[in-house]
Amino acid sequence: MAHHPEDRELFELIAERVAERRKAWGVSQKGLAELCGTTQSAIARLERGKRPPRIDTLARIAAALDCELVIELRPKTKPPQGEKQEERDERE
């Protein structure tokens, strides 16, 4: 599955923040993995920023690193005029 260039930037930003916070706390990738119930290789993949992190994994990492995980949906465009979203949903 190909990712949009903006997605890649987001994955890299997440990777950078996780790695910075982990190092600031003096925790190894293996140690963080143990705190999160995942593997060291999963942490390494996340920190390389090439693939999207799973939200549940990211939530456990945030908790282990004493961080608040903030996820926002920011509209890029206005919704289409006329027909309401609920009406489109009902047709699908």
PDB file of N, CA and C in Angstrom:
ATOM      1  N   MET A   1       0.839  -1.183   0.000  1.00  0.00           N
ATOM      2  CA  MET A   1       0.000   0.000   0.000  1.00  0.00           C
ATOM      3  C   MET A   1       0.885   1.248   0.000  1.00  0.00           C
ATOM      4  N   ALA A   2       0.700   2.090  -0.993  1.00  0.00           N
ATOM      5  CA  ALA A   2       1.491   3.320  -1.096  1.00  0.00           C
ATOM      6  C   ALA A   2       0.908   4.379  -0.165  1.00  0.00           C
ATOM      7  N   HIS A   3       1.794   5.148   0.433  1.00  0.00           N
ATOM      8  CA  HIS A   3       1.353   6.200   1.338  1.00  0.00           C
ATOM      9  C   HIS A   3       1.539   7.555   0.683  1.00  0.00           C
ATOM     10  N   HIS A   4       0.675   8.469   1.012  1.00  0.00           N
ATOM     11  CA  HIS A   4       0.744   9.845   0.545  1.00  0.00           C
ATOM     12  C   HIS A   4       1.992  10.493   1.144  1.00  0.00           C
ATOM     13  N   PRO A   5       2.662  11.404   0.416  1.00  0.00           N
ATOM     14  CA  PRO A   5       3.865  12.060   0.967  1.00  0.00           C
ATOM     15  C   PRO A   5       3.640  12.720   2.325  1.00  0.00           C
ATOM     16  N   GLU A   6       2.459  13.285   2.544  1.00  0.00           N
ATOM     17  CA  GLU A   6       2.161  13.899   3.848  1.00  0.00           C
ATOM     18  C   GLU A   6       2.150  12.849   4.951  1.00  0.00           C
ATOM     19  N   ASP A   7       1.707  11.634   4.615  1.00  0.00           N
ATOM     20  CA  ASP A   7       1.709  10.547   5.590  1.00  0.00           C
ATOM     21  C   ASP A   7       3.138  10.229   6.011  1.00  0.00           C
ATOM     22  N   ARG A   8       4.033  10.169   5.032  1.00  0.00           N
ATOM     23  CA  ARG A   8       5.433   9.861   5.312  1.00  0.00           C
ATOM     24  C   ARG A   8       6.014  10.897   6.275  1.00  0.00           C
ATOM     25  N   GLU A   9       5.694  12.169   6.055  1.00  0.00           N
ATOM     26  CA  GLU A   9       6.173  13.228   6.954  1.00  0.00           C
ATOM     27  C   GLU A   9       5.645  13.013   8.364  1.00  0.00           C
ATOM     28  N   LEU A  10       4.386  12.624   8.483  1.00  0.00           N
ATOM     29  CA  LEU A  10       3.789  12.368   9.797  1.00  0.00           C
ATOM     30  C   LEU A  10       4.486  11.198  10.475  1.00  0.00           C
ATOM     31  N   PHE A  11       4.723  10.099   9.736  1.00  0.00           N
ATOM     32  CA  PHE A  11       5.378   8.928  10.319  1.00  0.00           C
ATOM     33  C   PHE A  11       6.778   9.295  10.806  1.00  0.00           C
ATOM     34  N   GLU A  12       7.482  10.113  10.016  1.00  0.00           N
ATOM     35  CA  GLU A  12       8.834  10.520  10.397  1.00  0.00           C
ATOM     36  C   GLU A  12       8.824  11.430  11.623  1.00  0.00           C
ATOM     37  N   LEU A  13       7.824  12.295  11.714  1.00  0.00           N
ATOM     38  CA  LEU A  13       7.698  13.170  12.881  1.00  0.00           C
ATOM     39  C   LEU A  13       7.421  12.343  14.141  1.00  0.00           C
ATOM     40  N   ILE A  14       6.515  11.389  14.031  1.00  0.00           N
ATOM     41  CA  ILE A  14       6.215  10.506  15.164  1.00  0.00           C
ATOM     42  C   ILE A  14       7.482   9.749  15.568  1.00  0.00           C
ATOM     43  N   ALA A  15       8.202   9.225  14.578  1.00  0.00           N
ATOM     44  CA  ALA A  15       9.424   8.471  14.838  1.00  0.00           C
ATOM     45  C   ALA A  15      10.430   9.324  15.604  1.00  0.00           C
ATOM     46  N   GLU A  16      10.603  10.547  15.142  1.00  0.00           N
ATOM     47  CA  GLU A  16      11.553  11.464  15.772  1.00  0.00           C
ATOM     48  C   GLU A  16      11.162  11.758  17.219  1.00  0.00           C
ATOM     49  N   ARG A  17       9.888  12.022  17.437  1.00  0.00           N
ATOM     50  CA  ARG A  17       9.417  12.353  18.795  1.00  0.00           C
ATOM     51  C   ARG A  17       9.573  11.167  19.741  1.00  0.00           C
ATOM     52  N   VAL A  18       9.230   9.974  19.265  1.00  0.00           N
ATOM     53  CA  VAL A  18       9.357   8.777  20.112  1.00  0.00           C
ATOM     54  C   VAL A  18      10.829   8.555  20.461  1.00  0.00           C
ATOM     55  N   ALA A  19      11.705   8.614  19.460  1.00  0.00           N
ATOM     56  CA  ALA A  19      13.134   8.368  19.707  1.00  0.00           C
ATOM     57  C   ALA A  19      13.708   9.412  20.666  1.00  0.00           C
ATOM     58  N   GLU A  20      13.359  10.685  20.464  1.00  0.00           N
ATOM     59  CA  GLU A  20      13.857  11.748  21.348  1.00  0.00           C
ATOM     60  C   GLU A  20      13.411  11.520  22.785  1.00  0.00           C
ATOM     61  N   ARG A  21      12.143  11.218  22.963  1.00  0.00           N
ATOM     62  CA  ARG A  21      11.604  11.038  24.312  1.00  0.00           C
ATOM     63  C   ARG A  21      12.204   9.798  24.972  1.00  0.00           C
ATOM     64  N   ARG A  22      12.333   8.733  24.202  1.00  0.00           N
ATOM     65  CA  ARG A  22      12.906   7.493  24.744  1.00  0.00           C
ATOM     66  C   ARG A  22      14.335   7.744  25.220  1.00  0.00           C
ATOM     67  N   LYS A  23      15.129   8.433  24.395  1.00  0.00           N
ATOM     68  CA  LYS A  23      16.520   8.716  24.762  1.00  0.00           C
ATOM     69  C   LYS A  23      16.598   9.660  25.956  1.00  0.00           C
ATOM     70  N   ALA A  24      15.694  10.644  26.006  1.00  0.00           N
ATOM     71  CA  ALA A  24      15.682  11.587  27.133  1.00  0.00           C
ATOM     72  C   ALA A  24      15.424  10.858  28.455  1.00  0.00           C
ATOM     73  N   TRP A  25      14.643   9.796  28.397  1.00  0.00           N
ATOM     74  CA  TRP A  25      14.343   9.017  29.594  1.00  0.00           C
ATOM     75  C   TRP A  25      15.395   7.938  29.842  1.00  0.00           C
ATOM     76  N   GLY A  26      16.364   7.822  28.925  1.00  0.00           N
ATOM     77  CA  GLY A  26      17.423   6.833  29.104  1.00  0.00           C
ATOM     78  C   GLY A  26      16.949   5.402  28.985  1.00  0.00           C
ATOM     79  N   VAL A  27      15.974   5.191  28.114  1.00  0.00           N
ATOM     80  CA  VAL A  27      15.395   3.857  27.938  1.00  0.00           C
ATOM     81  C   VAL A  27      15.856   3.300  26.592  1.00  0.00           C
ATOM     82  N   SER A  28      16.269   2.050  26.568  1.00  0.00           N
ATOM     83  CA  SER A  28      16.656   1.404  25.311  1.00  0.00           C
ATOM     84  C   SER A  28      15.399   1.036  24.526  1.00  0.00           C
ATOM     85  N   GLN A  29      15.591   0.722  23.252  1.00  0.00           N
ATOM     86  CA  GLN A  29      14.451   0.241  22.452  1.00  0.00           C
ATOM     87  C   GLN A  29      13.882  -1.023  23.081  1.00  0.00           C
ATOM     88  N   LYS A  30      14.764  -1.904  23.534  1.00  0.00           N
ATOM     89  CA  LYS A  30      14.298  -3.150  24.164  1.00  0.00           C
ATOM     90  C   LYS A  30      13.513  -2.851  25.444  1.00  0.00           C
ATOM     91  N   GLY A  31      14.028  -1.921  26.245  1.00  0.00           N
ATOM     92  CA  GLY A  31      13.336  -1.552  27.486  1.00  0.00           C
ATOM     93  C   GLY A  31      11.969  -0.955  27.214  1.00  0.00           C
ATOM     94  N   LEU A  32      11.883  -0.087  26.205  1.00  0.00           N
ATOM     95  CA  LEU A  32      10.592   0.500  25.840  1.00  0.00           C
ATOM     96  C   LEU A  32       9.641  -0.581  25.345  1.00  0.00           C
ATOM     97  N   ALA A  33      10.164  -1.497  24.551  1.00  0.00           N
ATOM     98  CA  ALA A  33       9.340  -2.597  24.046  1.00  0.00           C
ATOM     99  C   ALA A  33       8.749  -3.410  25.198  1.00  0.00           C
ATOM    100  N   GLU A  34       9.566  -3.683  26.200  1.00  0.00           N
ATOM    101  CA  GLU A  34       9.089  -4.453  27.358  1.00  0.00           C
ATOM    102  C   GLU A  34       8.000  -3.688  28.109  1.00  0.00           C
ATOM    103  N   LEU A  35       8.177  -2.370  28.239  1.00  0.00           N
ATOM    104  CA  LEU A  35       7.162  -1.553  28.920  1.00  0.00           C
ATOM    105  C   LEU A  35       5.834  -1.530  28.154  1.00  0.00           C
ATOM    106  N   CYS A  36       5.922  -1.672  26.839  1.00  0.00           N
ATOM    107  CA  CYS A  36       4.739  -1.543  25.977  1.00  0.00           C
ATOM    108  C   CYS A  36       4.138  -2.877  25.565  1.00  0.00           C
ATOM    109  N   GLY A  37       4.789  -3.967  25.908  1.00  0.00           N
ATOM    110  CA  GLY A  37       4.279  -5.272  25.502  1.00  0.00           C
ATOM    111  C   GLY A  37       4.442  -5.515  24.013  1.00  0.00           C
ATOM    112  N   THR A  38       5.538  -5.014  23.440  1.00  0.00           N
ATOM    113  CA  THR A  38       5.812  -5.256  22.026  1.00  0.00           C
ATOM    114  C   THR A  38       7.263  -5.705  21.901  1.00  0.00           C
ATOM    115  N   THR A  39       7.780  -5.725  20.691  1.00  0.00           N
ATOM    116  CA  THR A  39       9.149  -6.200  20.477  1.00  0.00           C
ATOM    117  C   THR A  39      10.086  -5.039  20.183  1.00  0.00           C
ATOM    118  N   GLN A  40      11.371  -5.284  20.408  1.00  0.00           N
ATOM    119  CA  GLN A  40      12.381  -4.275  20.097  1.00  0.00           C
ATOM    120  C   GLN A  40      12.347  -3.955  18.605  1.00  0.00           C
ATOM    121  N   SER A  41      12.132  -4.966  17.769  1.00  0.00           N
ATOM    122  CA  SER A  41      12.102  -4.713  16.323  1.00  0.00           C
ATOM    123  C   SER A  41      10.921  -3.829  15.941  1.00  0.00           C
ATOM    124  N   ALA A  42       9.808  -3.938  16.644  1.00  0.00           N
ATOM    125  CA  ALA A  42       8.656  -3.071  16.369  1.00  0.00           C
ATOM    126  C   ALA A  42       8.977  -1.619  16.724  1.00  0.00           C
ATOM    127  N   ILE A  43       9.686  -1.421  17.844  1.00  0.00           N
ATOM    128  CA  ILE A  43      10.096  -0.065  18.237  1.00  0.00           C
ATOM    129  C   ILE A  43      11.081   0.479  17.213  1.00  0.00           C
ATOM    130  N   ALA A  44      12.031  -0.340  16.777  1.00  0.00           N
ATOM    131  CA  ALA A  44      13.024   0.091  15.783  1.00  0.00           C
ATOM    132  C   ALA A  44      12.327   0.492  14.476  1.00  0.00           C
ATOM    133  N   ARG A  45      11.360  -0.304  14.033  1.00  0.00           N
ATOM    134  CA  ARG A  45      10.611   0.025  12.801  1.00  0.00           C
ATOM    135  C   ARG A  45       9.888   1.353  12.953  1.00  0.00           C
ATOM    136  N   LEU A  46       9.244   1.543  14.103  1.00  0.00           N
ATOM    137  CA  LEU A  46       8.519   2.792  14.350  1.00  0.00           C
ATOM    138  C   LEU A  46       9.496   3.970  14.310  1.00  0.00           C
ATOM    139  N   GLU A  47      10.657   3.823  14.939  1.00  0.00           N
ATOM    140  CA  GLU A  47      11.626   4.914  15.010  1.00  0.00           C
ATOM    141  C   GLU A  47      12.295   5.198  13.662  1.00  0.00           C
ATOM    142  N   ARG A  48      12.224   4.273  12.731  1.00  0.00           N
ATOM    143  CA  ARG A  48      12.737   4.551  11.380  1.00  0.00           C
ATOM    144  C   ARG A  48      11.739   5.397  10.585  1.00  0.00           C
ATOM    145  N   GLY A  49      10.473   5.401  11.015  1.00  0.00           N
ATOM    146  CA  GLY A  49       9.476   6.277  10.413  1.00  0.00           C
ATOM    147  C   GLY A  49       9.026   5.925   9.019  1.00  0.00           C
ATOM    148  N   LYS A  50       9.207   4.707   8.605  1.00  0.00           N
ATOM    149  CA  LYS A  50       8.843   4.324   7.244  1.00  0.00           C
ATOM    150  C   LYS A  50       7.444   3.738   7.134  1.00  0.00           C
ATOM    151  N   ARG A  51       6.920   3.274   8.244  1.00  0.00           N
ATOM    152  CA  ARG A  51       5.595   2.640   8.230  1.00  0.00           C
ATOM    153  C   ARG A  51       4.711   3.293   9.281  1.00  0.00           C
ATOM    154  N   PRO A  52       3.401   3.235   9.060  1.00  0.00           N
ATOM    155  CA  PRO A  52       2.502   3.842  10.046  1.00  0.00           C
ATOM    156  C   PRO A  52       2.480   3.044  11.341  1.00  0.00           C
ATOM    157  N   PRO A  53       2.609   3.736  12.468  1.00  0.00           N
ATOM    158  CA  PRO A  53       2.493   3.025  13.743  1.00  0.00           C
ATOM    159  C   PRO A  53       1.031   2.694  14.018  1.00  0.00           C
ATOM    160  N   ARG A  54       0.794   1.577  14.670  1.00  0.00           N
ATOM    161  CA  ARG A  54      -0.573   1.261  15.089  1.00  0.00           C
ATOM    162  C   ARG A  54      -0.931   2.193  16.232  1.00  0.00           C
ATOM    163  N   ILE A  55      -2.155   2.658  16.226  1.00  0.00           N
ATOM    164  CA  ILE A  55      -2.576   3.631  17.249  1.00  0.00           C
ATOM    165  C   ILE A  55      -2.518   3.016  18.646  1.00  0.00           C
ATOM    166  N   ASP A  56      -2.904   1.748  18.788  1.00  0.00           N
ATOM    167  CA  ASP A  56      -2.860   1.140  20.118  1.00  0.00           C
ATOM    168  C   ASP A  56      -1.418   1.017  20.619  1.00  0.00           C
ATOM    169  N   THR A  57      -0.495   0.709  19.719  1.00  0.00           N
ATOM    170  CA  THR A  57       0.922   0.648  20.097  1.00  0.00           C
ATOM    171  C   THR A  57       1.418   2.034  20.473  1.00  0.00           C
ATOM    172  N   LEU A  58       1.056   3.024  19.673  1.00  0.00           N
ATOM    173  CA  LEU A  58       1.469   4.398  19.946  1.00  0.00           C
ATOM    174  C   LEU A  58       0.924   4.873  21.292  1.00  0.00           C
ATOM    175  N   ALA A  59      -0.296   4.485  21.620  1.00  0.00           N
ATOM    176  CA  ALA A  59      -0.894   4.857  22.913  1.00  0.00           C
ATOM    177  C   ALA A  59      -0.104   4.232  24.071  1.00  0.00           C
ATOM    178  N   ARG A  60       0.321   2.973  23.910  1.00  0.00           N
ATOM    179  CA  ARG A  60       1.108   2.318  24.966  1.00  0.00           C
ATOM    180  C   ARG A  60       2.491   2.956  25.091  1.00  0.00           C
ATOM    181  N   ILE A  61       3.079   3.327  23.945  1.00  0.00           N
ATOM    182  CA  ILE A  61       4.383   4.003  23.970  1.00  0.00           C
ATOM    183  C   ILE A  61       4.252   5.346  24.672  1.00  0.00           C
ATOM    184  N   ALA A  62       3.224   6.095  24.339  1.00  0.00           N
ATOM    185  CA  ALA A  62       3.004   7.403  24.975  1.00  0.00           C
ATOM    186  C   ALA A  62       2.879   7.241  26.485  1.00  0.00           C
ATOM    187  N   ALA A  63       2.113   6.262  26.920  1.00  0.00           N
ATOM    188  CA  ALA A  63       1.941   6.032  28.362  1.00  0.00           C
ATOM    189  C   ALA A  63       3.268   5.658  29.013  1.00  0.00           C
ATOM    190  N   ALA A  64       4.040   4.790  28.357  1.00  0.00           N
ATOM    191  CA  ALA A  64       5.318   4.341  28.916  1.00  0.00           C
ATOM    192  C   ALA A  64       6.314   5.494  29.020  1.00  0.00           C
ATOM    193  N   LEU A  65       6.212   6.469  28.104  1.00  0.00           N
ATOM    194  CA  LEU A  65       7.138   7.601  28.105  1.00  0.00           C
ATOM    195  C   LEU A  65       6.537   8.833  28.776  1.00  0.00           C
ATOM    196  N   ASP A  66       5.448   8.622  29.523  1.00  0.00           N
ATOM    197  CA  ASP A  66       4.776   9.701  30.251  1.00  0.00           C
ATOM    198  C   ASP A  66       4.431  10.872  29.330  1.00  0.00           C
ATOM    199  N   CYS A  67       3.794  10.538  28.201  1.00  0.00           N
ATOM    200  CA  CYS A  67       3.375  11.544  27.229  1.00  0.00           C
ATOM    201  C   CYS A  67       1.869  11.466  27.023  1.00  0.00           C
ATOM    202  N   GLU A  68       1.320  12.593  26.650  1.00  0.00           N
ATOM    203  CA  GLU A  68      -0.084  12.636  26.248  1.00  0.00           C
ATOM    204  C   GLU A  68      -0.120  12.415  24.742  1.00  0.00           C
ATOM    205  N   LEU A  69      -0.935  11.487  24.281  1.00  0.00           N
ATOM    206  CA  LEU A  69      -1.091  11.243  22.849  1.00  0.00           C
ATOM    207  C   LEU A  69      -2.262  12.085  22.366  1.00  0.00           C
ATOM    208  N   VAL A  70      -1.987  12.992  21.449  1.00  0.00           N
ATOM    209  CA  VAL A  70      -3.015  13.890  20.926  1.00  0.00           C
ATOM    210  C   VAL A  70      -3.202  13.576  19.451  1.00  0.00           C
ATOM    211  N   ILE A  71      -4.415  13.242  19.074  1.00  0.00           N
ATOM    212  CA  ILE A  71      -4.725  12.957  17.678  1.00  0.00           C
ATOM    213  C   ILE A  71      -5.815  13.917  17.245  1.00  0.00           C
ATOM    214  N   GLU A  72      -5.565  14.616  16.161  1.00  0.00           N
ATOM    215  CA  GLU A  72      -6.530  15.592  15.677  1.00  0.00           C
ATOM    216  C   GLU A  72      -6.936  15.273  14.254  1.00  0.00           C
ATOM    217  N   LEU A  73      -8.163  15.564  13.938  1.00  0.00           N
ATOM    218  CA  LEU A  73      -8.632  15.546  12.563  1.00  0.00           C
ATOM    219  C   LEU A  73      -8.856  17.006  12.191  1.00  0.00           C
ATOM    220  N   ARG A  74      -7.995  17.527  11.347  1.00  0.00           N
ATOM    221  CA  ARG A  74      -8.103  18.927  10.940  1.00  0.00           C
ATOM    222  C   ARG A  74      -8.642  18.982   9.523  1.00  0.00           C
ATOM    223  N   PRO A  75      -9.799  19.590   9.317  1.00  0.00           N
ATOM    224  CA  PRO A  75     -10.347  19.676   7.964  1.00  0.00           C
ATOM    225  C   PRO A  75      -9.413  20.450   7.043  1.00  0.00           C
ATOM    226  N   LYS A  76      -9.179  19.886   5.844  1.00  0.00           N
ATOM    227  CA  LYS A  76      -8.369  20.580   4.842  1.00  0.00           C
ATOM    228  C   LYS A  76      -9.259  21.375   3.888  1.00  0.00           C
ATOM    229  N   THR A  77     -10.478  20.907   3.730  1.00  0.00           N
ATOM    230  CA  THR A  77     -11.418  21.567   2.826  1.00  0.00           C
ATOM    231  C   THR A  77     -12.761  21.679   3.518  1.00  0.00           C
ATOM    232  N   LYS A  78     -13.647  22.470   2.923  1.00  0.00           N
ATOM    233  CA  LYS A  78     -15.009  22.557   3.449  1.00  0.00           C
ATOM    234  C   LYS A  78     -15.808  21.368   2.933  1.00  0.00           C
ATOM    235  N   PRO A  79     -16.798  20.921   3.697  1.00  0.00           N
ATOM    236  CA  PRO A  79     -17.641  19.818   3.223  1.00  0.00           C
ATOM    237  C   PRO A  79     -18.401  20.237   1.975  1.00  0.00           C
ATOM    238  N   PRO A  80     -18.795  19.274   1.136  1.00  0.00           N
ATOM    239  CA  PRO A  80     -19.572  19.601  -0.059  1.00  0.00           C
ATOM    240  C   PRO A  80     -20.894  20.262   0.319  1.00  0.00           C
ATOM    241  N   GLN A  81     -21.305  21.183  -0.486  1.00  0.00           N
ATOM    242  CA  GLN A  81     -22.562  21.898  -0.229  1.00  0.00           C
ATOM    243  C   GLN A  81     -23.747  21.065  -0.696  1.00  0.00           C
ATOM    244  N   GLY A  82     -24.901  21.383  -0.182  1.00  0.00           N
ATOM    245  CA  GLY A  82     -26.134  20.704  -0.626  1.00  0.00           C
ATOM    246  C   GLY A  82     -26.438  19.516   0.249  1.00  0.00           C
ATOM    247  N   GLU A  83     -26.268  18.328  -0.309  1.00  0.00           N
ATOM    248  CA  GLU A  83     -26.608  17.084   0.368  1.00  0.00           C
ATOM    249  C   GLU A  83     -25.804  16.917   1.661  1.00  0.00           C
ATOM    250  N   LYS A  84     -26.473  16.514   2.705  1.00  0.00           N
ATOM    251  CA  LYS A  84     -25.808  16.303   3.990  1.00  0.00           C
ATOM    252  C   LYS A  84     -25.099  14.953   4.008  1.00  0.00           C
ATOM    253  N   GLN A  85     -24.059  14.844   4.827  1.00  0.00           N
ATOM    254  CA  GLN A  85     -23.272  13.618   4.922  1.00  0.00           C
ATOM    255  C   GLN A  85     -24.151  12.427   5.304  1.00  0.00           C
ATOM    256  N   GLU A  86     -25.109  12.649   6.208  1.00  0.00           N
ATOM    257  CA  GLU A  86     -25.969  11.545   6.639  1.00  0.00           C
ATOM    258  C   GLU A  86     -26.740  10.958   5.462  1.00  0.00           C
ATOM    259  N   GLU A  87     -27.158  11.828   4.535  1.00  0.00           N
ATOM    260  CA  GLU A  87     -27.908  11.345   3.368  1.00  0.00           C
ATOM    261  C   GLU A  87     -27.004  10.515   2.460  1.00  0.00           C
ATOM    262  N   ARG A  88     -25.735  10.913   2.294  1.00  0.00           N
ATOM    263  CA  ARG A  88     -24.798  10.142   1.481  1.00  0.00           C
ATOM    264  C   ARG A  88     -24.511   8.802   2.165  1.00  0.00           C
ATOM    265  N   ASP A  89     -24.361   8.820   3.492  1.00  0.00           N
ATOM    266  CA  ASP A  89     -24.087   7.592   4.234  1.00  0.00           C
ATOM    267  C   ASP A  89     -25.218   6.579   4.074  1.00  0.00           C
ATOM    268  N   GLU A  90     -26.464   7.062   4.087  1.00  0.00           N
ATOM    269  CA  GLU A  90     -27.613   6.180   3.977  1.00  0.00           C
ATOM    270  C   GLU A  90     -27.663   5.485   2.624  1.00  0.00           C
ATOM    271  N   ARG A  91     -27.185   6.139   1.572  1.00  0.00           N
ATOM    272  CA  ARG A  91     -27.210   5.551   0.231  1.00  0.00           C
ATOM    273  C   ARG A  91     -26.140   4.481   0.067  1.00  0.00           C
ATOM    274  N   GLU A  92     -25.062   4.578   0.816  1.00  0.00           N
ATOM    275  CA  GLU A  92     -23.926   3.659   0.622  1.00  0.00           C
ATOM    276  C   GLU A  92     -24.118   2.346   1.284  1.00  0.00           C
TER     277      GLU A  92
END
